[in-house]
Protein backbone atom coordinates (compact mmCIF):
# COMPACT_ATOMS: atom_id res chain seq x y z
CA MET A 1 -0.39 0.08 -0.05
CA PHE A 2 3.02 2.29 0.80
CA LEU A 3 4.26 1.90 -2.82
CA LYS A 4 1.00 2.79 -4.21
CA GLU A 5 1.03 6.25 -2.08
CA LEU A 6 4.27 7.52 -3.07
CA GLU A 7 3.52 6.42 -6.83
CA LEU A 8 0.45 8.71 -6.09
CA GLU A 9 2.09 11.52 -4.84
CA ILE A 10 5.13 11.22 -7.52
CA GLY A 11 2.55 11.27 -9.75
CA ASN A 12 0.88 14.04 -8.26
CA PHE A 13 3.78 16.08 -8.14
CA VAL A 14 4.69 15.50 -12.01
CA GLU A 15 1.32 17.23 -13.06
CA THR A 16 1.05 19.97 -10.75
CA ASN A 17 4.61 21.42 -10.16
CA ASP A 18 5.12 24.40 -11.86
CA THR A 19 9.06 23.52 -12.93
CA ASN A 20 7.52 20.70 -15.24
CA LEU A 21 6.34 23.79 -17.10
CA VAL A 22 7.85 25.83 -19.36
CA LYS A 23 6.85 29.56 -19.32
CA ASP A 24 8.87 30.62 -22.50
CA ILE A 25 6.83 28.06 -24.62
CA ASP A 26 3.12 28.96 -24.01
CA GLY A 27 3.39 26.36 -20.67
CA MET A 28 4.78 23.45 -22.24
CA GLN A 29 4.34 20.54 -19.91
CA ILE A 30 8.06 18.70 -20.17
CA PHE A 31 7.29 15.75 -18.53
CA ASP A 32 4.35 13.22 -18.54
CA LYS A 33 3.70 10.56 -16.08
CA PRO A 34 6.37 8.51 -14.58
CA LEU A 35 7.46 4.92 -14.60
CA ILE A 36 8.55 3.49 -11.32
CA GLY A 37 10.78 0.66 -10.31
CA LEU A 38 12.25 -1.04 -7.01
CA ALA A 39 15.33 -2.69 -6.61
CA ALA A 40 16.67 -4.67 -3.52
CA SER A 41 19.85 -2.78 -2.27
CA ASP A 42 21.48 -6.42 -2.07
CA ASP A 43 20.39 -7.26 -4.86
CA PRO A 44 23.78 -9.23 -7.03
CA LEU A 45 23.63 -6.44 -10.39
CA TRP A 46 25.13 -4.26 -8.02
CA ASN A 47 28.51 -5.49 -7.97
CA THR A 48 28.51 -6.14 -11.93
CA LEU A 49 28.62 -2.25 -12.07
CA LYS A 50 31.82 -2.21 -10.71
CA LYS A 51 33.49 -3.82 -13.86
CA PRO A 52 35.05 -1.63 -16.47
CA GLU A 53 33.25 -3.10 -19.25
CA VAL A 54 30.09 -2.43 -17.40
CA VAL A 55 30.34 1.47 -15.66
CA GLY A 56 33.57 0.93 -13.49
CA PRO A 57 35.04 0.20 -10.58
CA ASN A 58 33.92 3.94 -8.83
CA HIS A 59 30.62 2.73 -9.03
CA MET A 60 28.92 2.44 -5.79
CA THR A 61 26.54 -0.02 -4.29
CA PRO A 62 23.42 1.13 -2.46
CA THR A 63 24.93 0.56 0.73
CA GLU A 64 27.78 2.16 0.26
CA TRP A 65 25.81 5.31 0.17
CA MET A 66 24.08 4.43 2.59
CA SER A 67 25.10 1.49 4.74
CA GLU A 68 21.14 0.99 6.23
CA SER A 69 19.94 0.89 2.05
CA LYS A 70 17.24 -2.02 2.06
CA SER A 71 15.62 -0.90 -1.24
CA VAL A 72 16.22 1.64 -4.66
CA LEU A 73 13.32 3.46 -5.76
CA SER A 74 14.17 4.33 -9.54
CA TYR A 75 11.83 6.41 -11.98
CA PHE A 76 11.55 7.62 -15.46
CA LEU A 77 10.37 10.75 -16.68
CA PRO A 78 9.21 10.27 -20.19
CA PHE A 79 9.07 13.82 -22.37
CA SER A 80 5.38 15.48 -23.33
CA GLU A 81 4.33 14.64 -26.77
CA THR A 82 5.17 18.34 -27.70
CA VAL A 83 9.05 17.68 -26.56
CA ARG A 84 8.99 14.67 -28.66
CA LYS A 85 7.29 15.51 -31.82
CA SER A 86 9.18 18.83 -31.68
CA ASN A 87 12.31 16.80 -32.19
CA ILE A 88 11.33 14.24 -35.00
CA THR A 89 13.62 15.42 -37.28
CA LYS A 90 17.02 14.78 -37.66
CA GLY A 91 19.53 17.30 -37.04
CA MET A 92 20.56 19.64 -34.20
CA PRO A 93 18.13 19.27 -31.22
CA SER A 94 14.71 21.30 -31.33
CA LYS A 95 14.42 24.46 -28.75
CA GLU A 96 11.95 22.39 -26.81
CA TRP A 97 14.14 19.41 -26.90
CA LEU A 98 17.09 21.32 -25.14
CA TYR A 99 14.48 23.16 -22.45
CA GLY A 100 13.38 19.23 -21.64
CA ARG A 101 17.23 18.67 -20.99
CA TRP A 102 18.24 21.33 -19.62
CA GLU A 103 14.95 22.68 -17.48
CA GLY A 104 13.89 19.47 -16.90
CA GLU A 105 16.74 18.10 -15.16
CA LEU A 106 16.20 21.33 -12.43
CA PHE A 107 12.50 19.52 -12.03
CA ASN A 108 14.17 15.98 -12.00
CA ASN A 109 16.19 17.55 -9.06
CA ALA A 110 13.73 18.99 -7.26
CA LEU A 111 11.52 15.50 -7.91
CA ARG A 112 14.35 14.13 -6.23
CA SER A 113 14.03 16.25 -3.41
CA PHE A 114 10.31 15.85 -3.12
CA VAL A 115 10.87 11.92 -3.11
CA VAL A 116 13.51 12.28 0.08
CA LYS A 117 11.21 14.54 2.22
CA PHE A 118 8.11 12.84 1.82
CA LEU A 119 10.16 9.33 2.62
CA GLU A 120 11.52 11.02 5.73
CA ASP A 121 7.95 12.71 6.68
CA GLN A 122 7.08 8.44 7.01
CA GLY A 123 10.06 8.20 9.05
CA CYS A 124 11.85 6.31 6.22
CA SER A 125 15.93 7.29 6.22
CA ALA A 126 15.93 8.34 2.01
CA LEU A 127 19.19 9.81 0.34
CA ALA A 128 19.41 11.19 -3.86
CA PRO A 129 22.58 10.03 -5.10
CA ALA A 130 22.51 12.70 -7.71
CA LEU A 131 22.12 15.47 -5.19
CA ASN A 132 24.65 14.10 -2.56
CA GLU A 133 28.13 15.98 -2.38
CA GLY A 134 29.46 12.46 -3.32
CA PHE A 135 28.33 12.03 -6.29
CA SER A 136 30.80 12.68 -9.08
CA VAL A 137 31.76 11.92 -12.87
CA GLU A 138 34.69 11.26 -14.91
CA ASN A 139 35.89 9.82 -17.76
CA HIS A 140 31.78 10.01 -19.05
CA LYS A 141 30.94 8.23 -16.29
CA SER A 142 29.39 8.73 -12.83
CA ASN A 143 29.24 6.85 -9.87
CA TRP A 144 25.71 6.65 -9.77
CA SER A 145 24.52 5.65 -13.42
CA GLU A 146 20.81 6.18 -13.23
CA ARG A 147 19.99 4.46 -16.46
CA HIS A 148 21.88 1.46 -14.96
CA VAL A 149 20.03 2.06 -11.51
CA ALA A 150 16.69 2.20 -13.69
CA TYR A 151 18.16 -1.33 -15.37
CA ILE A 152 18.19 -3.16 -12.02
CA ALA A 153 15.15 -1.55 -10.86
CA GLY A 154 12.96 -3.31 -13.71
CA LEU A 155 12.61 -0.34 -16.27
CA GLY A 156 14.48 -1.16 -19.09
CA THR A 157 17.12 -2.51 -21.00
CA PHE A 158 19.85 -0.59 -23.04
CA SER A 159 20.02 0.37 -27.22
CA ILE A 160 23.09 0.56 -29.84
CA ASN A 161 23.17 4.25 -28.50
CA ARG A 162 23.29 3.62 -24.46
CA SER A 163 20.05 5.02 -24.02
CA LEU A 164 17.26 3.09 -21.60
CA ILE A 165 14.33 1.39 -23.44
CA THR A 166 11.41 1.38 -21.51
CA ASN A 167 8.06 1.25 -22.29
CA LYS A 168 7.57 4.22 -22.77
CA GLY A 169 10.52 4.80 -24.95
CA THR A 170 13.99 5.91 -24.09
CA ALA A 171 13.18 10.12 -24.63
CA GLY A 172 12.97 11.43 -20.89
CA ARG A 173 14.68 11.58 -17.60
CA PHE A 174 15.95 8.96 -14.86
CA GLY A 175 16.15 9.69 -11.15
CA SER A 176 16.24 7.57 -7.71
CA VAL A 177 16.25 7.49 -4.60
CA ILE A 178 18.05 5.19 -1.80
CA MET A 179 15.48 4.36 1.42
CA ASP A 180 16.40 2.17 4.75
CA TRP A 181 12.74 0.61 4.04
CA GLU A 182 12.55 -2.69 2.59
CA LEU A 183 9.61 -2.64 -0.41
CA GLU A 184 9.51 -5.64 -2.60
CA PRO A 185 11.41 -5.29 -5.75
CA LYS A 186 9.71 -4.70 -9.34
CA LEU A 187 10.12 -7.92 -11.42
CA ARG A 188 12.51 -8.01 -14.19
CA ASN A 189 10.72 -8.87 -17.27
CA TYR A 190 13.43 -9.52 -19.42
CA THR A 191 16.97 -11.67 -19.01
CA GLU A 192 19.43 -9.60 -21.50
CA VAL A 193 21.06 -6.37 -21.26
CA ASN A 194 19.83 -5.55 -24.51
CA GLU A 195 16.26 -7.51 -25.38
CA TYR A 196 14.37 -4.72 -25.84
CA CYS A 197 16.54 -2.89 -28.89
CA ASP A 198 15.73 -4.61 -32.16
CA GLY A 199 19.02 -3.42 -33.85
CA CYS A 200 17.52 -1.21 -36.32
CA GLY A 201 20.33 1.13 -36.34
CA SER A 202 17.74 4.88 -36.07
CA CYS A 203 20.06 6.05 -33.70
CA ILE A 204 23.00 5.77 -35.78
CA SER A 205 21.79 7.98 -38.45
CA ARG A 206 20.22 10.27 -36.14
CA CYS A 207 23.72 11.04 -34.67
CA PRO A 208 25.27 14.15 -35.40
CA CYS A 209 28.56 13.57 -35.14
CA ASN A 210 28.16 9.47 -36.42
CA ALA A 211 29.98 8.92 -32.15
CA ILE A 212 27.26 5.42 -33.05
CA THR A 213 28.18 2.49 -34.34
CA LEU A 214 26.35 -0.99 -34.72
CA GLU A 215 29.86 -2.40 -32.17
CA THR A 216 29.91 0.93 -29.69
CA MET A 217 28.97 4.18 -28.67
CA ASP A 218 32.26 6.43 -28.72
CA LYS A 219 31.66 9.02 -25.74
CA ASP A 220 34.63 11.09 -26.39
CA LYS A 221 33.79 12.02 -30.26
CA CYS A 222 29.97 12.64 -28.42
CA SER A 223 31.62 14.98 -25.67
CA SER A 224 34.11 16.79 -27.95
CA PHE A 225 31.12 17.75 -30.35
CA LEU A 226 28.64 18.79 -27.56
CA LYS A 227 31.81 21.06 -26.29
CA LYS A 228 31.49 23.50 -29.24
CA PHE A 229 28.28 24.31 -28.58
């Protein structure tokens, strides 16, 4: 029952909070109703993320962030139809998409803070790694990867371009909160890391700097391209 209450609170925050709207674009809504996932803090997959070929040895487990951790809540905020349709053509991202990327992450941080406070108000200890002073990114890899967290929490699998494919697509933002309450994990309806990807290659042709191939995603080439703007 508590999870249902938490899902309702998160959904209401997404629906009513003003930071989910862009006043400069006629009050455009950035995100639709989120998907919610849950993972156990002792899931063996957390240690898998420490492998160099996955994320890396600096990636921290839930219990390294919070020793008393029992569960990890993960969510996916899908971009609204307005944001998605604005970016349907190939080339540089649309204005709406850029607002979704930058202002959207400000909203995501507000949601992370909201979830932490809501849990604490219920008597639960909670922590959002992305807001913690210990959060870091080195060589394009963070010590808490929201996409990989979402994979463990049952929200989707990876694509050629390393985005996570959920039941509502890939266009959106991920967030997560660690807590010391034990909640039932979400069932992962997949066994392979790329199970939802059919290898169509659409992401390859859309990449403006040709950083994506069927074999790899060149993060250095992607980063160098973005730094030009």
